[in-house]
Amino acid sequence: MRLKPEYHQLIYFFGLLLIAIALPTSRFLMSVGQFVLIANWLWEGNYIEKLKRFWSNKAAVLLCCLFVLHLVGLLYTDDYDYAMNDIRVKLPLLGLPVIISSSPLLSSQRFKWLMQVFIASVIITTGISMLVLLGFTGKEVDDTRQISLFISHIRFSLLICVAIFSLAYFAAKNTKFYLKAGQILLIAWLIVFLFIFESVTGVIVLAIVTFAIMTYYAVRQRKIILRITSLAVLLL
């Protein structure tokens, strides 16, 4: 039975929402979200048109090539049990780029909802981690990395960085003062949490990407004096 395109788009959006919630919280829910996307993609059909969209998206093709590198690694591995498990874990590098790049683009409103759900999930998870650190859950903590209950501390810190830059994007676009102020406060909290979390990876990634973005906007300054001044301040 074929569904109307708008129903498939709703199922697709629902699968993405599950993944957005699950990224910092649940491997199981992450798997459910991926299953929803795959099932909907296969059910919808139009494979030739979808593959054309995929091949025209260079970023998606590049991500799939990363998965191919893991397959090439099978030629010289000595531990096939670990290798096959690694291939299984890395399957999203193949599946998600194909599905997302070949599906219709989300509307700006739905994309905004998706990112807001992801940001909320990250913030709630940082709150849970703080409860663990402060001893409210009864879990003994010998290392701050142990307060990441659901995923590895490195992945969690990287997701926090994504949330920070997403909030910065929304704050820059927002015209309402109270919303902008709230988003800036959330950014401040996530940065503070990275230091509480003692995540060297997160702090380094945050610093490098911030520097890159500031350099990009400094170079884009139309007035030469402003451009030189901005770059000099950055270098300093």
C-alpha atoms as a PDB file:
ATOM      1  CA  MET A   1       0.000   0.000   0.000  1.00  0.00           C
ATOM      2  CA  ARG A   2       1.423   3.376  -1.025  1.00  0.00           C
ATOM      3  CA  LEU A   3       1.066   6.413   1.212  1.00  0.00           C
ATOM      4  CA  LYS A   4       0.742  10.008   0.100  1.00  0.00           C
ATOM      5  CA  PRO A   5       4.108  11.833  -0.127  1.00  0.00           C
ATOM      6  CA  GLU A   6       3.185  14.113   2.781  1.00  0.00           C
ATOM      7  CA  TYR A   7       2.675  11.078   5.033  1.00  0.00           C
ATOM      8  CA  HIS A   8       6.111   9.737   4.107  1.00  0.00           C
ATOM      9  CA  GLN A   9       7.565  13.162   4.903  1.00  0.00           C
ATOM     10  CA  LEU A  10       5.891  13.087   8.328  1.00  0.00           C
ATOM     11  CA  ILE A  11       7.326   9.616   9.040  1.00  0.00           C
ATOM     12  CA  TYR A  12      10.744  10.825   7.853  1.00  0.00           C
ATOM     13  CA  PHE A  13      10.541  13.845  10.170  1.00  0.00           C
ATOM     14  CA  PHE A  14       9.426  11.618  13.062  1.00  0.00           C
ATOM     15  CA  GLY A  15      12.458   9.355  12.519  1.00  0.00           C
ATOM     16  CA  LEU A  16      14.772  12.368  12.554  1.00  0.00           C
ATOM     17  CA  LEU A  17      13.158  13.616  15.776  1.00  0.00           C
ATOM     18  CA  LEU A  18      13.785  10.239  17.422  1.00  0.00           C
ATOM     19  CA  ILE A  19      17.446  10.416  16.410  1.00  0.00           C
ATOM     20  CA  ALA A  20      17.738  14.030  17.634  1.00  0.00           C
ATOM     21  CA  ILE A  21      16.407  12.984  21.041  1.00  0.00           C
ATOM     22  CA  ALA A  22      18.492   9.796  21.136  1.00  0.00           C
ATOM     23  CA  LEU A  23      21.898  11.178  20.127  1.00  0.00           C
ATOM     24  CA  PRO A  24      22.888  12.153  23.704  1.00  0.00           C
ATOM     25  CA  THR A  25      20.502   9.845  25.561  1.00  0.00           C
ATOM     26  CA  SER A  26      19.764   6.396  24.121  1.00  0.00           C
ATOM     27  CA  ARG A  27      21.454   3.949  21.768  1.00  0.00           C
ATOM     28  CA  PHE A  28      18.250   1.916  21.617  1.00  0.00           C
ATOM     29  CA  LEU A  29      16.129   4.917  20.589  1.00  0.00           C
ATOM     30  CA  MET A  30      18.830   5.821  18.079  1.00  0.00           C
ATOM     31  CA  SER A  31      18.431   2.381  16.500  1.00  0.00           C
ATOM     32  CA  VAL A  32      14.637   2.763  16.453  1.00  0.00           C
ATOM     33  CA  GLY A  33      14.953   6.138  14.694  1.00  0.00           C
ATOM     34  CA  GLN A  34      17.283   4.676  12.071  1.00  0.00           C
ATOM     35  CA  PHE A  35      14.919   1.733  11.520  1.00  0.00           C
ATOM     36  CA  VAL A  36      12.003   4.167  10.988  1.00  0.00           C
ATOM     37  CA  LEU A  37      14.034   6.110   8.395  1.00  0.00           C
ATOM     38  CA  ILE A  38      15.170   2.977   6.538  1.00  0.00           C
ATOM     39  CA  ALA A  39      11.691   1.410   6.498  1.00  0.00           C
ATOM     40  CA  ASN A  40      10.093   4.645   5.290  1.00  0.00           C
ATOM     41  CA  TRP A  41      12.786   5.112   2.610  1.00  0.00           C
ATOM     42  CA  LEU A  42      12.246   1.600   1.245  1.00  0.00           C
ATOM     43  CA  TRP A  43       8.449   1.886   1.467  1.00  0.00           C
ATOM     44  CA  GLU A  44       8.359   5.182  -0.414  1.00  0.00           C
ATOM     45  CA  GLY A  45      10.079   3.829  -3.548  1.00  0.00           C
ATOM     46  CA  ASN A  46      11.326   6.169  -6.331  1.00  0.00           C
ATOM     47  CA  TYR A  47      14.815   4.706  -5.919  1.00  0.00           C
ATOM     48  CA  ILE A  48      16.271   6.032  -9.185  1.00  0.00           C
ATOM     49  CA  GLU A  49      15.257   9.599  -8.364  1.00  0.00           C
ATOM     50  CA  LYS A  50      16.604   9.195  -4.838  1.00  0.00           C
ATOM     51  CA  LEU A  51      19.968   7.896  -6.039  1.00  0.00           C
ATOM     52  CA  LYS A  52      20.247  10.863  -8.405  1.00  0.00           C
ATOM     53  CA  ARG A  53      19.732  13.212  -5.466  1.00  0.00           C
ATOM     54  CA  PHE A  54      22.332  11.310  -3.474  1.00  0.00           C
ATOM     55  CA  TRP A  55      25.016  11.433  -6.201  1.00  0.00           C
ATOM     56  CA  SER A  56      24.442  15.160  -6.649  1.00  0.00           C
ATOM     57  CA  ASN A  57      25.184  15.752  -2.938  1.00  0.00           C
ATOM     58  CA  LYS A  58      28.973  15.816  -2.576  1.00  0.00           C
ATOM     59  CA  ALA A  59      28.924  15.929   1.234  1.00  0.00           C
ATOM     60  CA  ALA A  60      26.793  12.765   1.407  1.00  0.00           C
ATOM     61  CA  VAL A  61      29.040  10.931  -1.057  1.00  0.00           C
ATOM     62  CA  LEU A  62      32.111  11.949   0.956  1.00  0.00           C
ATOM     63  CA  LEU A  63      30.595  10.599   4.193  1.00  0.00           C
ATOM     64  CA  CYS A  64      29.840   7.296   2.486  1.00  0.00           C
ATOM     65  CA  CYS A  65      33.450   7.155   1.313  1.00  0.00           C
ATOM     66  CA  LEU A  66      34.496   7.213   4.975  1.00  0.00           C
ATOM     67  CA  PHE A  67      32.532   4.004   5.438  1.00  0.00           C
ATOM     68  CA  VAL A  68      34.241   2.509   2.378  1.00  0.00           C
ATOM     69  CA  LEU A  69      37.608   3.162   4.070  1.00  0.00           C
ATOM     70  CA  HIS A  70      36.505   0.873   6.906  1.00  0.00           C
ATOM     71  CA  LEU A  71      35.640  -1.824   4.356  1.00  0.00           C
ATOM     72  CA  VAL A  72      39.089  -1.460   2.784  1.00  0.00           C
ATOM     73  CA  GLY A  73      40.556  -1.918   6.268  1.00  0.00           C
ATOM     74  CA  LEU A  74      39.174  -5.473   6.294  1.00  0.00           C
ATOM     75  CA  LEU A  75      41.934  -6.400   3.820  1.00  0.00           C
ATOM     76  CA  TYR A  76      44.682  -6.043   6.432  1.00  0.00           C
ATOM     77  CA  THR A  77      43.000  -6.543   9.808  1.00  0.00           C
ATOM     78  CA  ASP A  78      44.064  -9.328  12.169  1.00  0.00           C
ATOM     79  CA  ASP A  79      40.975  -9.158  14.378  1.00  0.00           C
ATOM     80  CA  TYR A  80      37.911  -9.869  12.229  1.00  0.00           C
ATOM     81  CA  ASP A  81      35.547 -10.074  15.205  1.00  0.00           C
ATOM     82  CA  TYR A  82      36.384  -6.510  16.202  1.00  0.00           C
ATOM     83  CA  ALA A  83      36.431  -5.406  12.545  1.00  0.00           C
ATOM     84  CA  MET A  84      32.930  -6.723  11.827  1.00  0.00           C
ATOM     85  CA  ASN A  85      31.606  -5.125  15.014  1.00  0.00           C
ATOM     86  CA  ASP A  86      33.216  -1.842  13.976  1.00  0.00           C
ATOM     87  CA  ILE A  87      31.589  -2.121  10.537  1.00  0.00           C
ATOM     88  CA  ARG A  88      28.204  -2.682  12.207  1.00  0.00           C
ATOM     89  CA  VAL A  89      28.679   0.379  14.456  1.00  0.00           C
ATOM     90  CA  LYS A  90      29.731   2.529  11.476  1.00  0.00           C
ATOM     91  CA  LEU A  91      26.752   1.519   9.284  1.00  0.00           C
ATOM     92  CA  PRO A  92      25.016   4.884   9.939  1.00  0.00           C
ATOM     93  CA  LEU A  93      27.908   6.502   8.003  1.00  0.00           C
ATOM     94  CA  LEU A  94      26.519   4.678   4.968  1.00  0.00           C
ATOM     95  CA  GLY A  95      22.780   4.641   5.653  1.00  0.00           C
ATOM     96  CA  LEU A  96      22.030   8.109   7.026  1.00  0.00           C
ATOM     97  CA  PRO A  97      23.827  10.154   4.323  1.00  0.00           C
ATOM     98  CA  VAL A  98      22.025   8.188   1.605  1.00  0.00           C
ATOM     99  CA  ILE A  99      18.599   8.512   3.242  1.00  0.00           C
ATOM    100  CA  ILE A 100      18.886  12.186   4.237  1.00  0.00           C
ATOM    101  CA  SER A 101      20.446  13.422   0.996  1.00  0.00           C
ATOM    102  CA  SER A 102      17.934  11.550  -1.174  1.00  0.00           C
ATOM    103  CA  SER A 103      14.856  12.627   0.808  1.00  0.00           C
ATOM    104  CA  PRO A 104      12.969  15.907   0.263  1.00  0.00           C
ATOM    105  CA  LEU A 105      14.454  18.869   2.102  1.00  0.00           C
ATOM    106  CA  LEU A 106      12.890  19.747   5.426  1.00  0.00           C
ATOM    107  CA  SER A 107      11.068  23.047   5.637  1.00  0.00           C
ATOM    108  CA  SER A 108      12.902  25.740   7.597  1.00  0.00           C
ATOM    109  CA  GLN A 109      10.300  25.445  10.365  1.00  0.00           C
ATOM    110  CA  ARG A 110      10.722  21.669  10.718  1.00  0.00           C
ATOM    111  CA  PHE A 111      14.507  21.978  10.634  1.00  0.00           C
ATOM    112  CA  LYS A 112      14.258  24.551  13.432  1.00  0.00           C
ATOM    113  CA  TRP A 113      12.079  22.192  15.482  1.00  0.00           C
ATOM    114  CA  LEU A 114      14.506  19.349  14.873  1.00  0.00           C
ATOM    115  CA  MET A 115      17.489  21.343  16.098  1.00  0.00           C
ATOM    116  CA  GLN A 116      15.582  22.692  19.090  1.00  0.00           C
ATOM    117  CA  VAL A 117      14.628  19.151  20.130  1.00  0.00           C
ATOM    118  CA  PHE A 118      18.290  18.105  19.823  1.00  0.00           C
ATOM    119  CA  ILE A 119      19.460  21.102  21.876  1.00  0.00           C
ATOM    120  CA  ALA A 120      16.836  20.390  24.556  1.00  0.00           C
ATOM    121  CA  SER A 121      17.954  16.759  24.709  1.00  0.00           C
ATOM    122  CA  VAL A 122      21.590  17.807  25.190  1.00  0.00           C
ATOM    123  CA  ILE A 123      20.722  20.365  27.880  1.00  0.00           C
ATOM    124  CA  ILE A 124      18.530  17.911  29.806  1.00  0.00           C
ATOM    125  CA  THR A 125      21.340  15.346  29.635  1.00  0.00           C
ATOM    126  CA  THR A 126      23.832  17.866  31.058  1.00  0.00           C
ATOM    127  CA  GLY A 127      21.364  18.456  33.909  1.00  0.00           C
ATOM    128  CA  ILE A 128      21.199  14.719  34.615  1.00  0.00           C
ATOM    129  CA  SER A 129      25.002  14.553  34.547  1.00  0.00           C
ATOM    130  CA  MET A 130      25.204  17.349  37.108  1.00  0.00           C
ATOM    131  CA  LEU A 131      22.789  15.479  39.395  1.00  0.00           C
ATOM    132  CA  VAL A 132      25.117  12.484  39.156  1.00  0.00           C
ATOM    133  CA  LEU A 133      28.177  14.633  39.902  1.00  0.00           C
ATOM    134  CA  LEU A 134      26.507  16.259  42.915  1.00  0.00           C
ATOM    135  CA  GLY A 135      25.581  12.848  44.337  1.00  0.00           C
ATOM    136  CA  PHE A 136      21.782  13.033  43.989  1.00  0.00           C
ATOM    137  CA  THR A 137      21.608   9.689  42.146  1.00  0.00           C
ATOM    138  CA  GLY A 138      23.760   7.699  44.579  1.00  0.00           C
ATOM    139  CA  LYS A 139      26.231   6.768  41.822  1.00  0.00           C
ATOM    140  CA  GLU A 140      29.871   6.927  42.911  1.00  0.00           C
ATOM    141  CA  VAL A 141      31.969   9.134  40.649  1.00  0.00           C
ATOM    142  CA  ASP A 142      35.747   8.671  40.626  1.00  0.00           C
ATOM    143  CA  ASP A 143      36.228  10.470  37.318  1.00  0.00           C
ATOM    144  CA  THR A 144      34.103  13.268  35.854  1.00  0.00           C
ATOM    145  CA  ARG A 145      33.906  11.316  32.590  1.00  0.00           C
ATOM    146  CA  GLN A 146      31.651   8.855  34.440  1.00  0.00           C
ATOM    147  CA  ILE A 147      28.842  11.415  34.659  1.00  0.00           C
ATOM    148  CA  SER A 148      28.110  10.777  30.972  1.00  0.00           C
ATOM    149  CA  LEU A 149      25.641   7.975  31.629  1.00  0.00           C
ATOM    150  CA  PHE A 150      24.312   7.227  28.160  1.00  0.00           C
ATOM    151  CA  ILE A 151      27.146   7.625  25.632  1.00  0.00           C
ATOM    152  CA  SER A 152      30.930   7.986  25.674  1.00  0.00           C
ATOM    153  CA  HIS A 153      32.231  11.207  27.206  1.00  0.00           C
ATOM    154  CA  ILE A 154      33.998  12.178  23.964  1.00  0.00           C
ATOM    155  CA  ARG A 155      30.838  11.887  21.852  1.00  0.00           C
ATOM    156  CA  PHE A 156      28.861  13.734  24.502  1.00  0.00           C
ATOM    157  CA  SER A 157      31.327  16.630  24.504  1.00  0.00           C
ATOM    158  CA  LEU A 158      31.160  16.856  20.708  1.00  0.00           C
ATOM    159  CA  LEU A 159      27.359  16.916  20.810  1.00  0.00           C
ATOM    160  CA  ILE A 160      27.578  19.734  23.368  1.00  0.00           C
ATOM    161  CA  CYS A 161      29.725  21.674  20.878  1.00  0.00           C
ATOM    162  CA  VAL A 162      27.119  21.141  18.153  1.00  0.00           C
ATOM    163  CA  ALA A 163      24.418  22.397  20.542  1.00  0.00           C
ATOM    164  CA  ILE A 164      26.501  25.486  21.402  1.00  0.00           C
ATOM    165  CA  PHE A 165      26.979  26.495  17.782  1.00  0.00           C
ATOM    166  CA  SER A 166      23.337  25.733  16.953  1.00  0.00           C
ATOM    167  CA  LEU A 167      22.223  27.987  19.807  1.00  0.00           C
ATOM    168  CA  ALA A 168      24.628  30.689  18.610  1.00  0.00           C
ATOM    169  CA  TYR A 169      23.084  30.468  15.136  1.00  0.00           C
ATOM    170  CA  PHE A 170      19.547  30.817  16.520  1.00  0.00           C
ATOM    171  CA  ALA A 171      20.601  33.665  18.826  1.00  0.00           C
ATOM    172  CA  ALA A 172      22.138  35.536  15.889  1.00  0.00           C
ATOM    173  CA  LYS A 173      18.925  35.151  13.880  1.00  0.00           C
ATOM    174  CA  ASN A 174      16.549  35.935  16.732  1.00  0.00           C
ATOM    175  CA  THR A 175      15.005  39.391  16.932  1.00  0.00           C
ATOM    176  CA  LYS A 176      13.238  38.948  20.277  1.00  0.00           C
ATOM    177  CA  PHE A 177      15.455  40.094  23.139  1.00  0.00           C
ATOM    178  CA  TYR A 178      14.191  37.653  25.790  1.00  0.00           C
ATOM    179  CA  LEU A 179      14.685  34.651  23.480  1.00  0.00           C
ATOM    180  CA  LYS A 180      18.146  35.838  22.457  1.00  0.00           C
ATOM    181  CA  ALA A 181      19.107  36.383  26.109  1.00  0.00           C
ATOM    182  CA  GLY A 182      17.848  32.913  27.041  1.00  0.00           C
ATOM    183  CA  GLN A 183      19.830  31.291  24.238  1.00  0.00           C
ATOM    184  CA  ILE A 184      22.995  33.149  25.285  1.00  0.00           C
ATOM    185  CA  LEU A 185      22.516  31.936  28.870  1.00  0.00           C
ATOM    186  CA  LEU A 186      22.163  28.352  27.605  1.00  0.00           C
ATOM    187  CA  ILE A 187      25.372  28.758  25.581  1.00  0.00           C
ATOM    188  CA  ALA A 188      27.147  29.995  28.727  1.00  0.00           C
ATOM    189  CA  TRP A 189      25.867  27.004  30.708  1.00  0.00           C
ATOM    190  CA  LEU A 190      27.041  24.489  28.105  1.00  0.00           C
ATOM    191  CA  ILE A 191      30.496  26.090  27.965  1.00  0.00           C
ATOM    192  CA  VAL A 192      30.728  26.007  31.769  1.00  0.00           C
ATOM    193  CA  PHE A 193      29.615  22.372  31.742  1.00  0.00           C
ATOM    194  CA  LEU A 194      32.392  21.476  29.274  1.00  0.00           C
ATOM    195  CA  PHE A 195      34.935  22.727  31.815  1.00  0.00           C
ATOM    196  CA  ILE A 196      33.159  20.997  34.704  1.00  0.00           C
ATOM    197  CA  PHE A 197      33.142  17.865  32.545  1.00  0.00           C
ATOM    198  CA  GLU A 198      36.907  18.351  32.040  1.00  0.00           C
ATOM    199  CA  SER A 199      36.537  17.446  28.388  1.00  0.00           C
ATOM    200  CA  VAL A 200      39.777  18.407  26.661  1.00  0.00           C
ATOM    201  CA  THR A 201      38.376  17.252  23.311  1.00  0.00           C
ATOM    202  CA  GLY A 202      35.247  19.381  23.683  1.00  0.00           C
ATOM    203  CA  VAL A 203      37.144  22.502  24.743  1.00  0.00           C
ATOM    204  CA  ILE A 204      39.683  22.174  21.916  1.00  0.00           C
ATOM    205  CA  VAL A 205      36.974  21.619  19.280  1.00  0.00           C
ATOM    206  CA  LEU A 206      34.990  24.564  20.664  1.00  0.00           C
ATOM    207  CA  ALA A 207      38.069  26.822  20.504  1.00  0.00           C
ATOM    208  CA  ILE A 208      39.124  25.757  16.994  1.00  0.00           C
ATOM    209  CA  VAL A 209      35.663  26.077  15.453  1.00  0.00           C
ATOM    210  CA  THR A 210      35.038  29.421  17.193  1.00  0.00           C
ATOM    211  CA  PHE A 211      38.353  30.740  15.867  1.00  0.00           C
ATOM    212  CA  ALA A 212      37.529  29.478  12.349  1.00  0.00           C
ATOM    213  CA  ILE A 213      34.089  31.112  12.353  1.00  0.00           C
ATOM    214  CA  MET A 214      35.431  34.419  13.672  1.00  0.00           C
ATOM    215  CA  THR A 215      38.208  34.377  11.066  1.00  0.00           C
ATOM    216  CA  TYR A 216      35.648  33.711   8.330  1.00  0.00           C
ATOM    217  CA  TYR A 217      33.538  36.712   9.339  1.00  0.00           C
ATOM    218  CA  ALA A 218      36.612  38.885   9.813  1.00  0.00           C
ATOM    219  CA  VAL A 219      37.773  38.128   6.257  1.00  0.00           C
ATOM    220  CA  ARG A 220      34.287  38.955   4.953  1.00  0.00           C
ATOM    221  CA  GLN A 221      34.451  42.506   6.324  1.00  0.00           C
ATOM    222  CA  ARG A 222      34.080  44.869   3.360  1.00  0.00           C
ATOM    223  CA  LYS A 223      36.156  47.693   4.790  1.00  0.00           C
ATOM    224  CA  ILE A 224      39.860  46.877   4.679  1.00  0.00           C
ATOM    225  CA  ILE A 225      40.553  48.672   7.965  1.00  0.00           C
ATOM    226  CA  LEU A 226      37.888  46.618   9.764  1.00  0.00           C
ATOM    227  CA  ARG A 227      39.178  43.439   8.137  1.00  0.00           C
ATOM    228  CA  ILE A 228      42.783  44.054   9.186  1.00  0.00           C
ATOM    229  CA  THR A 229      41.743  45.105  12.704  1.00  0.00           C
ATOM    230  CA  SER A 230      39.533  42.023  13.172  1.00  0.00           C
ATOM    231  CA  LEU A 231      42.259  39.665  11.972  1.00  0.00           C
ATOM    232  CA  ALA A 232      44.859  41.366  14.175  1.00  0.00           C
ATOM    233  CA  VAL A 233      42.613  40.986  17.240  1.00  0.00           C
ATOM    234  CA  LEU A 234      42.060  37.311  16.420  1.00  0.00           C
ATOM    235  CA  LEU A 235      45.765  36.668  16.014  1.00  0.00           C
ATOM    236  CA  LEU A 236      46.472  38.471  19.270  1.00  0.00           C
END
